[in-house]
Amino acid sequence: MENTISKEAIGELPLCQFDGKITLVEDLVEIDEIVDILLKEKVIGFDTETKPSFKKGSVNQTSLLQLSTANEAFLFRLNKTGLCPPLIKLLESNKLIKVGVGIRDDIRGLNQLARFKPGRFIELQDVAKNFGIDVFSLKGLAGLMLEVRVSKRQRLSNWEADTLTQAQIDYAAIDAWIALRLYEEFVLLDPLYKFKSIVYRN
């Protein structure tokens, strides 16, 4: 496998699609049951979204938490539910592995909503480095390892909108799910590789 990929090469790849179920969570009542489902998994994909701020020195709080299994992505609208105890329990779990790209900033943002001690998070950028891969963005890794193009058109959209668009929902689901797919690809490359959890410091 090559260790890098150009923007031009990524641009020629087929657009990534997620064919699984997407569940948008806006009500606290649903969260307990969903967390119980997720805690039965061994590994899930992880990501967050934040409404962009175009004012210097102004930073918005994390709006969305995305968690994905192989077949279903759950999008938690934190601006409506808050970071509630069941979600904190999941984020602190040392049994459930959460995988993502650039997750230290995601964890920092979530910690501003509620304090928690992160448990079993794997940073795929660190894994890529250990495999000699010279690509560290989610889009680059997906292009290199999975030969798909992940659209980033919705990244700077309003994640605090009253109603998310279908394009935002699809984008958010793909970002968490593709992280899980990348983890699975690393396992295939070296089944004996020892994945290390990140050490998070505030």
Protein backbone atom coordinates (compact mmCIF):
# COMPACT_ATOMS: atom_id res chain seq x y z
CA MET A 1 0.00 0.00 0.00
CA GLU A 2 1.18 3.54 -0.77
CA ASN A 3 1.90 5.78 2.21
CA THR A 4 0.34 8.95 0.79
CA ILE A 5 -2.28 10.19 -1.69
CA SER A 6 -2.69 13.48 -3.56
CA LYS A 7 -5.75 15.76 -3.49
CA GLU A 8 -6.11 15.15 -7.21
CA ALA A 9 -6.20 11.38 -6.73
CA ILE A 10 -8.79 11.72 -3.95
CA GLY A 11 -10.92 13.91 -6.23
CA GLU A 12 -11.19 11.07 -8.74
CA LEU A 13 -12.42 8.50 -6.20
CA PRO A 14 -16.12 7.54 -5.82
CA LEU A 15 -18.05 9.51 -3.20
CA CYS A 16 -18.45 7.65 0.08
CA GLN A 17 -21.98 6.55 0.98
CA PHE A 18 -23.30 5.17 4.27
CA ASP A 19 -26.04 2.61 3.66
CA GLY A 20 -26.82 1.92 7.30
CA LYS A 21 -29.52 3.37 9.54
CA ILE A 22 -29.08 6.90 10.89
CA THR A 23 -30.78 7.80 14.17
CA LEU A 24 -31.01 11.47 15.11
CA VAL A 25 -31.30 11.83 18.90
CA GLU A 26 -32.90 15.03 20.20
CA ASP A 27 -34.75 13.70 23.25
CA LEU A 28 -33.18 12.68 26.58
CA VAL A 29 -35.72 9.87 26.95
CA GLU A 30 -34.12 7.90 24.09
CA ILE A 31 -30.53 8.10 25.26
CA ASP A 32 -30.46 5.43 27.99
CA GLU A 33 -31.64 2.70 25.62
CA ILE A 34 -29.25 3.76 22.84
CA VAL A 35 -26.26 3.85 25.19
CA ASP A 36 -27.12 0.32 26.38
CA ILE A 37 -27.07 -0.81 22.73
CA LEU A 38 -23.71 0.87 22.06
CA LEU A 39 -22.08 -0.50 25.23
CA LYS A 40 -22.66 -4.02 23.87
CA GLU A 41 -20.29 -3.24 20.96
CA LYS A 42 -16.53 -3.79 21.08
CA VAL A 43 -15.54 -0.81 18.90
CA ILE A 44 -17.47 2.21 17.61
CA GLY A 45 -16.63 5.19 15.41
CA PHE A 46 -16.54 8.59 17.11
CA ASP A 47 -16.71 12.23 15.98
CA THR A 48 -18.20 15.60 16.97
CA GLU A 49 -19.37 18.73 15.17
CA THR A 50 -19.37 22.35 16.32
CA LYS A 51 -21.08 25.36 14.79
CA PRO A 52 -18.28 27.41 13.18
CA SER A 53 -17.54 30.86 14.54
CA PHE A 54 -16.33 33.52 12.13
CA LYS A 55 -15.66 36.04 14.91
CA LYS A 56 -12.11 36.29 16.23
CA GLY A 57 -11.82 34.88 19.76
CA SER A 58 -15.34 33.44 19.72
CA VAL A 59 -15.74 29.65 20.03
CA ASN A 60 -19.04 27.76 20.06
CA GLN A 61 -19.77 24.69 22.16
CA THR A 62 -19.92 21.19 20.68
CA SER A 63 -23.32 20.75 19.02
CA LEU A 64 -23.30 17.14 17.87
CA LEU A 65 -21.81 13.83 19.03
CA GLN A 66 -21.68 11.05 16.42
CA LEU A 67 -21.21 7.41 17.39
CA SER A 68 -21.40 4.62 14.81
CA THR A 69 -21.51 0.85 14.68
CA ALA A 70 -21.00 -1.01 11.40
CA ASN A 71 -24.69 -0.70 10.54
CA GLU A 72 -26.09 2.27 12.46
CA ALA A 73 -24.98 5.81 13.23
CA PHE A 74 -26.40 7.73 16.20
CA LEU A 75 -26.29 11.53 16.08
CA PHE A 76 -26.78 13.13 19.50
CA ARG A 77 -27.82 16.80 19.33
CA LEU A 78 -25.97 17.98 22.43
CA ASN A 79 -27.23 21.55 22.03
CA LYS A 80 -30.68 20.09 22.81
CA THR A 81 -29.89 17.23 25.22
CA GLY A 82 -26.67 18.33 26.88
CA LEU A 83 -23.89 15.85 27.70
CA CYS A 84 -26.03 13.74 30.02
CA PRO A 85 -24.89 11.01 32.51
CA PRO A 86 -25.54 8.02 30.16
CA LEU A 87 -23.33 9.57 27.46
CA ILE A 88 -20.65 10.37 30.04
CA LYS A 89 -20.79 6.70 31.17
CA LEU A 90 -20.17 5.65 27.54
CA LEU A 91 -17.32 8.14 27.04
CA GLU A 92 -15.67 6.95 30.27
CA SER A 93 -16.09 3.23 29.52
CA ASN A 94 -12.82 1.28 29.44
CA LYS A 95 -14.49 -1.70 27.77
CA LEU A 96 -15.87 0.10 24.72
CA ILE A 97 -13.22 1.30 22.25
CA LYS A 98 -13.99 4.64 20.57
CA VAL A 99 -11.99 5.36 17.40
CA GLY A 100 -11.64 8.60 15.47
CA VAL A 101 -9.37 11.10 13.75
CA GLY A 102 -8.23 14.28 15.53
CA ILE A 103 -10.16 13.30 18.65
CA ARG A 104 -8.17 15.19 21.28
CA ASP A 105 -9.89 18.45 20.31
CA ASP A 106 -13.25 16.64 20.24
CA ILE A 107 -12.72 15.40 23.80
CA ARG A 108 -11.63 18.86 24.92
CA GLY A 109 -14.84 20.32 23.48
CA LEU A 110 -17.01 17.69 25.18
CA ASN A 111 -15.22 18.30 28.48
CA GLN A 112 -16.38 21.91 28.34
CA LEU A 113 -19.98 20.67 28.39
CA ALA A 114 -19.43 18.27 31.30
CA ARG A 115 -16.32 16.96 33.02
CA PHE A 116 -15.42 13.33 32.41
CA LYS A 117 -12.37 11.07 32.25
CA PRO A 118 -12.00 9.67 28.71
CA GLY A 119 -11.80 5.87 28.54
CA ARG A 120 -10.42 3.75 25.65
CA PHE A 121 -10.13 6.28 22.82
CA ILE A 122 -7.87 5.37 19.88
CA GLU A 123 -6.47 8.16 17.72
CA LEU A 124 -6.17 6.86 14.15
CA GLN A 125 -3.63 9.56 13.27
CA ASP A 126 -1.25 7.95 15.78
CA VAL A 127 -1.97 4.51 14.30
CA ALA A 128 -1.33 5.79 10.75
CA LYS A 129 2.04 7.19 11.85
CA ASN A 130 3.01 3.81 13.32
CA PHE A 131 2.13 2.15 9.99
CA GLY A 132 4.41 4.59 8.12
CA ILE A 133 1.47 6.40 6.53
CA ASP A 134 2.05 10.06 5.72
CA VAL A 135 -1.63 11.09 5.61
CA PHE A 136 -3.45 12.23 8.74
CA SER A 137 -6.82 13.72 7.77
CA LEU A 138 -9.98 11.60 7.74
CA LYS A 139 -10.46 12.44 4.08
CA GLY A 140 -6.88 11.51 3.20
CA LEU A 141 -6.94 8.24 5.14
CA ALA A 142 -10.29 7.24 3.60
CA GLY A 143 -8.92 7.97 0.14
CA LEU A 144 -5.68 6.08 0.69
CA MET A 145 -6.97 3.06 2.60
CA LEU A 146 -10.59 2.66 1.51
CA GLU A 147 -10.42 4.27 -1.96
CA VAL A 148 -13.43 6.49 -1.34
CA ARG A 149 -13.88 10.27 -1.26
CA VAL A 150 -15.38 11.77 1.89
CA SER A 151 -17.14 15.06 1.18
CA LYS A 152 -16.35 17.88 3.61
CA ARG A 153 -18.89 20.36 2.19
CA GLN A 154 -21.05 20.38 5.34
CA ARG A 155 -18.21 20.84 7.84
CA LEU A 156 -18.72 24.59 8.24
CA SER A 157 -22.52 24.48 8.23
CA ASN A 158 -24.75 25.48 11.17
CA TRP A 159 -24.83 22.50 13.52
CA GLU A 160 -27.09 24.36 15.94
CA ALA A 161 -29.89 24.86 13.40
CA ASP A 162 -33.40 23.97 14.61
CA THR A 163 -33.53 21.23 11.98
CA LEU A 164 -30.48 19.60 10.40
CA THR A 165 -30.56 19.10 6.65
CA GLN A 166 -30.31 15.64 5.13
CA ALA A 167 -26.88 16.61 3.78
CA GLN A 168 -25.69 17.46 7.33
CA ILE A 169 -27.13 14.21 8.71
CA ASP A 170 -25.44 12.10 6.01
CA TYR A 171 -22.13 13.93 6.45
CA ALA A 172 -22.15 13.51 10.25
CA ALA A 173 -22.98 9.81 10.04
CA ILE A 174 -20.24 9.13 7.48
CA ASP A 175 -17.54 10.85 9.56
CA ALA A 176 -18.11 8.52 12.53
CA TRP A 177 -18.71 5.39 10.46
CA ILE A 178 -15.65 5.88 8.22
CA ALA A 179 -13.45 6.07 11.35
CA LEU A 180 -14.68 2.61 12.31
CA ARG A 181 -14.00 1.35 8.78
CA LEU A 182 -10.46 2.72 8.94
CA TYR A 183 -9.87 0.95 12.27
CA GLU A 184 -11.07 -2.31 10.71
CA GLU A 185 -8.69 -1.76 7.80
CA PHE A 186 -5.73 -1.30 10.15
CA VAL A 187 -6.69 -4.58 11.89
CA LEU A 188 -6.64 -6.32 8.49
CA LEU A 189 -3.21 -4.85 7.69
CA ASP A 190 -1.75 -6.24 10.93
CA PRO A 191 -4.01 -8.43 13.10
CA LEU A 192 -1.31 -8.50 15.81
CA TYR A 193 -0.95 -4.71 16.04
CA LYS A 194 -1.45 -3.43 19.60
CA PHE A 195 -3.72 -0.39 19.53
CA LYS A 196 -2.90 2.07 22.31
CA SER A 197 -5.47 4.34 23.89
CA ILE A 198 -4.64 8.05 23.83
CA VAL A 199 -3.50 9.74 27.01
CA TYR A 200 -5.65 12.83 27.26
CA ARG A 201 -4.46 15.88 29.16
CA ASN A 202 -6.53 19.03 29.60
